[in-house]
Amino acid sequence: TKLAEALKYNSSLRLLSLRGNFINDEGVTELANVLRSNSMLTKLDVTNNLIGPGGATKLAEALKYNSSLRLLSLRGNFINDEGVTELANVLRSN
């Protein structure tokens, strides 16, 4: 998406709120790819979207490479125990 492309070149944005934007696993996968290399973003709010366990897994994989993100809000999505476990495992070591 254009947003993901723009975030690749971000040098100042620290907080990104995408609440209630109908972001699904495909959309969050694009964001996750950006998080792998974005070192400016410290807060990402994707509350009340359509993110499922697959999207949570992609976020977890990206967080292995991201040391700047301090807050990730995922409330109101469709992440099941599998997705939560993936995220928790990464956050323990990050």
PDB file of N, CA and C in Angstrom:
ATOM      1  N   THR A   1       0.832  -1.186   0.000  1.00  0.00           N
ATOM      2  CA  THR A   1       0.000   0.000   0.000  1.00  0.00           C
ATOM      3  C   THR A   1       0.877   1.251   0.000  1.00  0.00           C
ATOM      4  N   LYS A   2       0.269   2.357  -0.280  1.00  0.00           N
ATOM      5  CA  LYS A   2       1.012   3.625  -0.302  1.00  0.00           C
ATOM      6  C   LYS A   2       1.494   3.998   1.095  1.00  0.00           C
ATOM      7  N   LEU A   3       0.686   3.684   2.106  1.00  0.00           N
ATOM      8  CA  LEU A   3       1.093   3.982   3.482  1.00  0.00           C
ATOM      9  C   LEU A   3       2.340   3.196   3.857  1.00  0.00           C
ATOM     10  N   ALA A   4       2.352   1.920   3.571  1.00  0.00           N
ATOM     11  CA  ALA A   4       3.520   1.087   3.884  1.00  0.00           C
ATOM     12  C   ALA A   4       4.750   1.595   3.149  1.00  0.00           C
ATOM     13  N   GLU A   5       4.577   1.988   1.922  1.00  0.00           N
ATOM     14  CA  GLU A   5       5.695   2.521   1.131  1.00  0.00           C
ATOM     15  C   GLU A   5       6.235   3.806   1.756  1.00  0.00           C
ATOM     16  N   ALA A   6       5.334   4.690   2.176  1.00  0.00           N
ATOM     17  CA  ALA A   6       5.759   5.948   2.793  1.00  0.00           C
ATOM     18  C   ALA A   6       6.483   5.706   4.114  1.00  0.00           C
ATOM     19  N   LEU A   7       6.031   4.725   4.880  1.00  0.00           N
ATOM     20  CA  LEU A   7       6.654   4.433   6.174  1.00  0.00           C
ATOM     21  C   LEU A   7       8.080   3.913   6.034  1.00  0.00           C
ATOM     22  N   LYS A   8       8.397   3.357   4.892  1.00  0.00           N
ATOM     23  CA  LYS A   8       9.768   2.883   4.659  1.00  0.00           C
ATOM     24  C   LYS A   8      10.763   4.043   4.734  1.00  0.00           C
ATOM     25  N   TYR A   9      10.292   5.236   4.385  1.00  0.00           N
ATOM     26  CA  TYR A   9      11.169   6.398   4.338  1.00  0.00           C
ATOM     27  C   TYR A   9      10.925   7.360   5.499  1.00  0.00           C
ATOM     28  N   ASN A  10      10.173   6.909   6.493  1.00  0.00           N
ATOM     29  CA  ASN A  10       9.829   7.739   7.639  1.00  0.00           C
ATOM     30  C   ASN A  10      11.066   8.101   8.445  1.00  0.00           C
ATOM     31  N   SER A  11      11.230   9.385   8.718  1.00  0.00           N
ATOM     32  CA  SER A  11      12.343   9.807   9.563  1.00  0.00           C
ATOM     33  C   SER A  11      11.869  10.659  10.738  1.00  0.00           C
ATOM     34  N   SER A  12      10.543  10.783  10.912  1.00  0.00           N
ATOM     35  CA  SER A  12      10.063  11.607  12.021  1.00  0.00           C
ATOM     36  C   SER A  12       8.818  11.073  12.725  1.00  0.00           C
ATOM     37  N   LEU A  13       7.966  10.343  12.049  1.00  0.00           N
ATOM     38  CA  LEU A  13       6.721   9.858  12.639  1.00  0.00           C
ATOM     39  C   LEU A  13       7.007   8.848  13.741  1.00  0.00           C
ATOM     40  N   ARG A  14       6.476   9.114  14.932  1.00  0.00           N
ATOM     41  CA  ARG A  14       6.705   8.233  16.079  1.00  0.00           C
ATOM     42  C   ARG A  14       5.453   7.460  16.481  1.00  0.00           C
ATOM     43  N   LEU A  15       4.271   8.045  16.254  1.00  0.00           N
ATOM     44  CA  LEU A  15       3.001   7.423  16.622  1.00  0.00           C
ATOM     45  C   LEU A  15       2.134   7.296  15.387  1.00  0.00           C
ATOM     46  N   LEU A  16       1.622   6.091  15.164  1.00  0.00           N
ATOM     47  CA  LEU A  16       0.725   5.861  14.039  1.00  0.00           C
ATOM     48  C   LEU A  16      -0.523   5.171  14.564  1.00  0.00           C
ATOM     49  N   SER A  17      -1.667   5.833  14.410  1.00  0.00           N
ATOM     50  CA  SER A  17      -2.939   5.252  14.820  1.00  0.00           C
ATOM     51  C   SER A  17      -3.746   4.892  13.583  1.00  0.00           C
ATOM     52  N   LEU A  18      -4.058   3.615  13.472  1.00  0.00           N
ATOM     53  CA  LEU A  18      -4.861   3.111  12.357  1.00  0.00           C
ATOM     54  C   LEU A  18      -6.106   2.406  12.897  1.00  0.00           C
ATOM     55  N   ARG A  19      -6.659   2.947  13.962  1.00  0.00           N
ATOM     56  CA  ARG A  19      -7.838   2.360  14.612  1.00  0.00           C
ATOM     57  C   ARG A  19      -9.013   2.298  13.642  1.00  0.00           C
ATOM     58  N   GLY A  20      -9.691   1.158  13.654  1.00  0.00           N
ATOM     59  CA  GLY A  20     -10.941   1.027  12.924  1.00  0.00           C
ATOM     60  C   GLY A  20     -10.858   1.249  11.437  1.00  0.00           C
ATOM     61  N   ASN A  21      -9.799   0.771  10.810  1.00  0.00           N
ATOM     62  CA  ASN A  21      -9.616   0.964   9.373  1.00  0.00           C
ATOM     63  C   ASN A  21      -9.800  -0.312   8.558  1.00  0.00           C
ATOM     64  N   PHE A  22     -10.400  -1.326   9.154  1.00  0.00           N
ATOM     65  CA  PHE A  22     -10.676  -2.591   8.467  1.00  0.00           C
ATOM     66  C   PHE A  22      -9.404  -3.256   7.943  1.00  0.00           C
ATOM     67  N   ILE A  23      -8.306  -3.072   8.662  1.00  0.00           N
ATOM     68  CA  ILE A  23      -7.035  -3.697   8.274  1.00  0.00           C
ATOM     69  C   ILE A  23      -7.120  -5.182   8.579  1.00  0.00           C
ATOM     70  N   ASN A  24      -6.832  -5.989   7.581  1.00  0.00           N
ATOM     71  CA  ASN A  24      -6.877  -7.441   7.753  1.00  0.00           C
ATOM     72  C   ASN A  24      -5.454  -8.003   7.791  1.00  0.00           C
ATOM     73  N   ASP A  25      -5.336  -9.327   7.737  1.00  0.00           N
ATOM     74  CA  ASP A  25      -4.017  -9.954   7.807  1.00  0.00           C
ATOM     75  C   ASP A  25      -3.113  -9.511   6.657  1.00  0.00           C
ATOM     76  N   GLU A  26      -3.686  -9.330   5.485  1.00  0.00           N
ATOM     77  CA  GLU A  26      -2.884  -8.886   4.337  1.00  0.00           C
ATOM     78  C   GLU A  26      -2.326  -7.486   4.574  1.00  0.00           C
ATOM     79  N   GLY A  27      -3.165  -6.590   5.059  1.00  0.00           N
ATOM     80  CA  GLY A  27      -2.726  -5.220   5.321  1.00  0.00           C
ATOM     81  C   GLY A  27      -1.705  -5.130   6.433  1.00  0.00           C
ATOM     82  N   VAL A  28      -1.913  -5.902   7.500  1.00  0.00           N
ATOM     83  CA  VAL A  28      -0.968  -5.845   8.612  1.00  0.00           C
ATOM     84  C   VAL A  28       0.352  -6.521   8.233  1.00  0.00           C
ATOM     85  N   THR A  29       0.319  -7.418   7.271  1.00  0.00           N
ATOM     86  CA  THR A  29       1.556  -8.034   6.786  1.00  0.00           C
ATOM     87  C   THR A  29       2.430  -6.970   6.127  1.00  0.00           C
ATOM     88  N   GLU A  30       1.820  -6.062   5.387  1.00  0.00           N
ATOM     89  CA  GLU A  30       2.587  -4.961   4.782  1.00  0.00           C
ATOM     90  C   GLU A  30       3.179  -4.061   5.855  1.00  0.00           C
ATOM     91  N   LEU A  31       2.398  -3.773   6.891  1.00  0.00           N
ATOM     92  CA  LEU A  31       2.924  -2.971   8.005  1.00  0.00           C
ATOM     93  C   LEU A  31       4.057  -3.711   8.716  1.00  0.00           C
ATOM     94  N   ALA A  32       3.892  -5.003   8.894  1.00  0.00           N
ATOM     95  CA  ALA A  32       4.923  -5.802   9.558  1.00  0.00           C
ATOM     96  C   ALA A  32       6.228  -5.750   8.772  1.00  0.00           C
ATOM     97  N   ASN A  33       6.145  -5.813   7.467  1.00  0.00           N
ATOM     98  CA  ASN A  33       7.353  -5.743   6.641  1.00  0.00           C
ATOM     99  C   ASN A  33       8.082  -4.424   6.853  1.00  0.00           C
ATOM    100  N   VAL A  34       7.328  -3.345   7.022  1.00  0.00           N
ATOM    101  CA  VAL A  34       7.921  -2.039   7.276  1.00  0.00           C
ATOM    102  C   VAL A  34       8.557  -1.992   8.670  1.00  0.00           C
ATOM    103  N   LEU A  35       7.885  -2.594   9.657  1.00  0.00           N
ATOM    104  CA  LEU A  35       8.401  -2.578  11.026  1.00  0.00           C
ATOM    105  C   LEU A  35       9.767  -3.239  11.149  1.00  0.00           C
ATOM    106  N   ARG A  36      10.064  -4.139  10.255  1.00  0.00           N
ATOM    107  CA  ARG A  36      11.370  -4.815  10.289  1.00  0.00           C
ATOM    108  C   ARG A  36      12.524  -3.823  10.186  1.00  0.00           C
ATOM    109  N   SER A  37      12.308  -2.743   9.441  1.00  0.00           N
ATOM    110  CA  SER A  37      13.411  -1.805   9.211  1.00  0.00           C
ATOM    111  C   SER A  37      13.147  -0.391   9.727  1.00  0.00           C
ATOM    112  N   ASN A  38      11.930  -0.087  10.138  1.00  0.00           N
ATOM    113  CA  ASN A  38      11.609   1.258  10.616  1.00  0.00           C
ATOM    114  C   ASN A  38      12.090   1.413  12.050  1.00  0.00           C
ATOM    115  N   SER A  39      12.955   2.385  12.288  1.00  0.00           N
ATOM    116  CA  SER A  39      13.503   2.583  13.631  1.00  0.00           C
ATOM    117  C   SER A  39      12.973   3.844  14.291  1.00  0.00           C
ATOM    118  N   MET A  40      11.990   4.500  13.699  1.00  0.00           N
ATOM    119  CA  MET A  40      11.445   5.738  14.257  1.00  0.00           C
ATOM    120  C   MET A  40      10.129   5.510  15.003  1.00  0.00           C
ATOM    121  N   LEU A  41       9.305   4.629  14.504  1.00  0.00           N
ATOM    122  CA  LEU A  41       7.984   4.417  15.079  1.00  0.00           C
ATOM    123  C   LEU A  41       8.096   3.793  16.465  1.00  0.00           C
ATOM    124  N   THR A  42       7.486   4.437  17.460  1.00  0.00           N
ATOM    125  CA  THR A  42       7.520   3.911  18.833  1.00  0.00           C
ATOM    126  C   THR A  42       6.151   3.414  19.294  1.00  0.00           C
ATOM    127  N   LYS A  43       5.076   3.880  18.642  1.00  0.00           N
ATOM    128  CA  LYS A  43       3.728   3.460  19.019  1.00  0.00           C
ATOM    129  C   LYS A  43       2.905   3.159  17.773  1.00  0.00           C
ATOM    130  N   LEU A  44       2.298   1.986  17.766  1.00  0.00           N
ATOM    131  CA  LEU A  44       1.432   1.587  16.657  1.00  0.00           C
ATOM    132  C   LEU A  44       0.108   1.108  17.237  1.00  0.00           C
ATOM    133  N   ASP A  45      -0.967   1.762  16.833  1.00  0.00           N
ATOM    134  CA  ASP A  45      -2.302   1.426  17.323  1.00  0.00           C
ATOM    135  C   ASP A  45      -3.130   0.891  16.159  1.00  0.00           C
ATOM    136  N   VAL A  46      -3.400  -0.399  16.187  1.00  0.00           N
ATOM    137  CA  VAL A  46      -4.237  -1.037  15.175  1.00  0.00           C
ATOM    138  C   VAL A  46      -5.475  -1.654  15.840  1.00  0.00           C
ATOM    139  N   THR A  47      -5.986  -0.940  16.839  1.00  0.00           N
ATOM    140  CA  THR A  47      -7.184  -1.346  17.570  1.00  0.00           C
ATOM    141  C   THR A  47      -8.396  -1.415  16.636  1.00  0.00           C
ATOM    142  N   ASN A  48      -9.274  -2.376  16.915  1.00  0.00           N
ATOM    143  CA  ASN A  48     -10.563  -2.505  16.208  1.00  0.00           C
ATOM    144  C   ASN A  48     -10.411  -2.630  14.693  1.00  0.00           C
ATOM    145  N   ASN A  49      -9.607  -3.592  14.282  1.00  0.00           N
ATOM    146  CA  ASN A  49      -9.463  -3.920  12.874  1.00  0.00           C
ATOM    147  C   ASN A  49      -9.867  -5.374  12.659  1.00  0.00           C
ATOM    148  N   LEU A  50      -9.404  -5.980  11.607  1.00  0.00           N
ATOM    149  CA  LEU A  50      -9.783  -7.349  11.251  1.00  0.00           C
ATOM    150  C   LEU A  50      -8.576  -8.284  11.275  1.00  0.00           C
ATOM    151  N   ILE A  51      -7.630  -8.009  12.141  1.00  0.00           N
ATOM    152  CA  ILE A  51      -6.389  -8.776  12.205  1.00  0.00           C
ATOM    153  C   ILE A  51      -6.647 -10.103  12.910  1.00  0.00           C
ATOM    154  N   GLY A  52      -6.230 -11.179  12.274  1.00  0.00           N
ATOM    155  CA  GLY A  52      -6.397 -12.518  12.828  1.00  0.00           C
ATOM    156  C   GLY A  52      -5.062 -13.091  13.272  1.00  0.00           C
ATOM    157  N   PRO A  53      -5.039 -14.385  13.575  1.00  0.00           N
ATOM    158  CA  PRO A  53      -3.810 -15.010  14.052  1.00  0.00           C
ATOM    159  C   PRO A  53      -2.668 -14.961  13.038  1.00  0.00           C
ATOM    160  N   GLY A  54      -2.984 -15.026  11.761  1.00  0.00           N
ATOM    161  CA  GLY A  54      -1.941 -14.937  10.738  1.00  0.00           C
ATOM    162  C   GLY A  54      -1.257 -13.584  10.748  1.00  0.00           C
ATOM    163  N   GLY A  55      -2.031 -12.538  10.908  1.00  0.00           N
ATOM    164  CA  GLY A  55      -1.473 -11.196  10.994  1.00  0.00           C
ATOM    165  C   GLY A  55      -0.645 -11.008  12.251  1.00  0.00           C
ATOM    166  N   ALA A  56      -1.116 -11.585  13.351  1.00  0.00           N
ATOM    167  CA  ALA A  56      -0.362 -11.504  14.604  1.00  0.00           C
ATOM    168  C   ALA A  56       0.981 -12.197  14.471  1.00  0.00           C
ATOM    169  N   THR A  57       1.006 -13.315  13.773  1.00  0.00           N
ATOM    170  CA  THR A  57       2.257 -14.039  13.547  1.00  0.00           C
ATOM    171  C   THR A  57       3.226 -13.202  12.723  1.00  0.00           C
ATOM    172  N   LYS A  58       2.712 -12.518  11.702  1.00  0.00           N
ATOM    173  CA  LYS A  58       3.564 -11.643  10.886  1.00  0.00           C
ATOM    174  C   LYS A  58       4.119 -10.495  11.706  1.00  0.00           C
ATOM    175  N   LEU A  59       3.294  -9.919  12.576  1.00  0.00           N
ATOM    176  CA  LEU A  59       3.778  -8.853  13.458  1.00  0.00           C
ATOM    177  C   LEU A  59       4.857  -9.381  14.396  1.00  0.00           C
ATOM    178  N   ALA A  60       4.629 -10.564  14.939  1.00  0.00           N
ATOM    179  CA  ALA A  60       5.615 -11.167  15.846  1.00  0.00           C
ATOM    180  C   ALA A  60       6.951 -11.368  15.142  1.00  0.00           C
ATOM    181  N   GLU A  61       6.910 -11.853  13.923  1.00  0.00           N
ATOM    182  CA  GLU A  61       8.140 -12.061  13.154  1.00  0.00           C
ATOM    183  C   GLU A  61       8.868 -10.737  12.932  1.00  0.00           C
ATOM    184  N   ALA A  62       8.114  -9.681  12.638  1.00  0.00           N
ATOM    185  CA  ALA A  62       8.717  -8.366  12.392  1.00  0.00           C
ATOM    186  C   ALA A  62       9.331  -7.792  13.663  1.00  0.00           C
ATOM    187  N   LEU A  63       8.691  -8.018  14.788  1.00  0.00           N
ATOM    188  CA  LEU A  63       9.183  -7.461  16.047  1.00  0.00           C
ATOM    189  C   LEU A  63      10.523  -8.057  16.471  1.00  0.00           C
ATOM    190  N   LYS A  64      10.872  -9.187  15.924  1.00  0.00           N
ATOM    191  CA  LYS A  64      12.196  -9.772  16.196  1.00  0.00           C
ATOM    192  C   LYS A  64      13.306  -8.837  15.717  1.00  0.00           C
ATOM    193  N   TYR A  65      12.998  -8.014  14.717  1.00  0.00           N
ATOM    194  CA  TYR A  65      13.991  -7.136  14.102  1.00  0.00           C
ATOM    195  C   TYR A  65      13.808  -5.669  14.466  1.00  0.00           C
ATOM    196  N   ASN A  66      12.782  -5.362  15.242  1.00  0.00           N
ATOM    197  CA  ASN A  66      12.465  -3.975  15.572  1.00  0.00           C
ATOM    198  C   ASN A  66      12.736  -3.722  17.047  1.00  0.00           C
ATOM    199  N   SER A  67      13.570  -2.740  17.325  1.00  0.00           N
ATOM    200  CA  SER A  67      13.879  -2.424  18.729  1.00  0.00           C
ATOM    201  C   SER A  67      13.321  -1.068  19.151  1.00  0.00           C
ATOM    202  N   SER A  68      12.621  -0.370  18.271  1.00  0.00           N
ATOM    203  CA  SER A  68      12.121   0.962  18.606  1.00  0.00           C
ATOM    204  C   SER A  68      10.667   0.960  19.072  1.00  0.00           C
ATOM    205  N   LEU A  69       9.854   0.026  18.596  1.00  0.00           N
ATOM    206  CA  LEU A  69       8.442   0.006  18.949  1.00  0.00           C
ATOM    207  C   LEU A  69       8.270  -0.323  20.425  1.00  0.00           C
ATOM    208  N   ARG A  70       7.588   0.539  21.158  1.00  0.00           N
ATOM    209  CA  ARG A  70       7.389   0.374  22.599  1.00  0.00           C
ATOM    210  C   ARG A  70       5.946   0.062  22.953  1.00  0.00           C
ATOM    211  N   LEU A  71       5.005   0.444  22.083  1.00  0.00           N
ATOM    212  CA  LEU A  71       3.602   0.195  22.347  1.00  0.00           C
ATOM    213  C   LEU A  71       2.935  -0.333  21.091  1.00  0.00           C
ATOM    214  N   LEU A  72       2.277  -1.451  21.216  1.00  0.00           N
ATOM    215  CA  LEU A  72       1.522  -2.044  20.115  1.00  0.00           C
ATOM    216  C   LEU A  72       0.140  -2.370  20.642  1.00  0.00           C
ATOM    217  N   SER A  73      -0.872  -1.673  20.157  1.00  0.00           N
ATOM    218  CA  SER A  73      -2.236  -1.893  20.619  1.00  0.00           C
ATOM    219  C   SER A  73      -2.991  -2.713  19.582  1.00  0.00           C
ATOM    220  N   LEU A  74      -3.453  -3.885  20.024  1.00  0.00           N
ATOM    221  CA  LEU A  74      -4.151  -4.817  19.137  1.00  0.00           C
ATOM    222  C   LEU A  74      -5.569  -5.125  19.606  1.00  0.00           C
ATOM    223  N   ARG A  75      -6.086  -4.365  20.558  1.00  0.00           N
ATOM    224  CA  ARG A  75      -7.432  -4.621  21.084  1.00  0.00           C
ATOM    225  C   ARG A  75      -8.466  -4.648  19.974  1.00  0.00           C
ATOM    226  N   GLY A  76      -9.478  -5.483  20.163  1.00  0.00           N
ATOM    227  CA  GLY A  76     -10.603  -5.498  19.245  1.00  0.00           C
ATOM    228  C   GLY A  76     -10.318  -6.131  17.904  1.00  0.00           C
ATOM    229  N   ASN A  77      -9.338  -7.019  17.858  1.00  0.00           N
ATOM    230  CA  ASN A  77      -9.049  -7.768  16.638  1.00  0.00           C
ATOM    231  C   ASN A  77      -9.463  -9.223  16.847  1.00  0.00           C
ATOM    232  N   PHE A  78      -9.087 -10.083  15.954  1.00  0.00           N
ATOM    233  CA  PHE A  78      -9.517 -11.479  15.998  1.00  0.00           C
ATOM    234  C   PHE A  78      -8.330 -12.420  16.190  1.00  0.00           C
ATOM    235  N   ILE A  79      -7.423 -11.977  17.044  1.00  0.00           N
ATOM    236  CA  ILE A  79      -6.222 -12.752  17.327  1.00  0.00           C
ATOM    237  C   ILE A  79      -6.585 -13.809  18.357  1.00  0.00           C
ATOM    238  N   ASN A  80      -6.338 -15.055  18.027  1.00  0.00           N
ATOM    239  CA  ASN A  80      -6.668 -16.125  18.967  1.00  0.00           C
ATOM    240  C   ASN A  80      -5.460 -16.470  19.833  1.00  0.00           C
ATOM    241  N   ASP A  81      -5.563 -17.563  20.569  1.00  0.00           N
ATOM    242  CA  ASP A  81      -4.472 -17.972  21.468  1.00  0.00           C
ATOM    243  C   ASP A  81      -3.159 -18.185  20.725  1.00  0.00           C
ATOM    244  N   GLU A  82      -3.250 -18.707  19.518  1.00  0.00           N
ATOM    245  CA  GLU A  82      -2.042 -18.947  18.714  1.00  0.00           C
ATOM    246  C   GLU A  82      -1.311 -17.636  18.431  1.00  0.00           C
ATOM    247  N   GLY A  83      -2.051 -16.624  17.996  1.00  0.00           N
ATOM    248  CA  GLY A  83      -1.458 -15.328  17.697  1.00  0.00           C
ATOM    249  C   GLY A  83      -0.887 -14.652  18.926  1.00  0.00           C
ATOM    250  N   VAL A  84      -1.611 -14.745  20.033  1.00  0.00           N
ATOM    251  CA  VAL A  84      -1.135 -14.160  21.287  1.00  0.00           C
ATOM    252  C   VAL A  84       0.147 -14.837  21.746  1.00  0.00           C
ATOM    253  N   THR A  85       0.193 -16.157  21.617  1.00  0.00           N
ATOM    254  CA  THR A  85       1.386 -16.910  22.006  1.00  0.00           C
ATOM    255  C   THR A  85       2.588 -16.497  21.175  1.00  0.00           C
ATOM    256  N   GLU A  86       2.396 -16.336  19.880  1.00  0.00           N
ATOM    257  CA  GLU A  86       3.490 -15.905  19.002  1.00  0.00           C
ATOM    258  C   GLU A  86       4.039 -14.537  19.442  1.00  0.00           C
ATOM    259  N   LEU A  87       3.138 -13.621  19.700  1.00  0.00           N
ATOM    260  CA  LEU A  87       3.545 -12.279  20.127  1.00  0.00           C
ATOM    261  C   LEU A  87       4.231 -12.314  21.489  1.00  0.00           C
ATOM    262  N   ALA A  88       3.677 -13.065  22.408  1.00  0.00           N
ATOM    263  CA  ALA A  88       4.252 -13.145  23.753  1.00  0.00           C
ATOM    264  C   ALA A  88       5.669 -13.714  23.728  1.00  0.00           C
ATOM    265  N   ASN A  89       5.876 -14.723  22.911  1.00  0.00           N
ATOM    266  CA  ASN A  89       7.216 -15.332  22.810  1.00  0.00           C
ATOM    267  C   ASN A  89       8.247 -14.330  22.329  1.00  0.00           C
ATOM    268  N   VAL A  90       7.876 -13.520  21.359  1.00  0.00           N
ATOM    269  CA  VAL A  90       8.804 -12.521  20.826  1.00  0.00           C
ATOM    270  C   VAL A  90       9.048 -11.410  21.854  1.00  0.00           C
ATOM    271  N   LEU A  91       7.978 -10.972  22.490  1.00  0.00           N
ATOM    272  CA  LEU A  91       8.104  -9.865  23.432  1.00  0.00           C
ATOM    273  C   LEU A  91       8.934 -10.241  24.652  1.00  0.00           C
ATOM    274  N   ARG A  92       8.945 -11.500  25.011  1.00  0.00           N
ATOM    275  CA  ARG A  92       9.789 -11.944  26.128  1.00  0.00           C
ATOM    276  C   ARG A  92      11.274 -11.724  25.836  1.00  0.00           C
ATOM    277  N   SER A  93      11.634 -11.890  24.587  1.00  0.00           N
ATOM    278  CA  SER A  93      13.058 -11.804  24.240  1.00  0.00           C
ATOM    279  C   SER A  93      13.451 -10.466  23.617  1.00  0.00           C
ATOM    280  N   ASN A  94      12.479  -9.611  23.339  1.00  0.00           N
ATOM    281  CA  ASN A  94      12.771  -8.340  22.679  1.00  0.00           C
ATOM    282  C   ASN A  94      12.902  -7.242  23.712  1.00  0.00           C
TER     283      ASN A  94
END
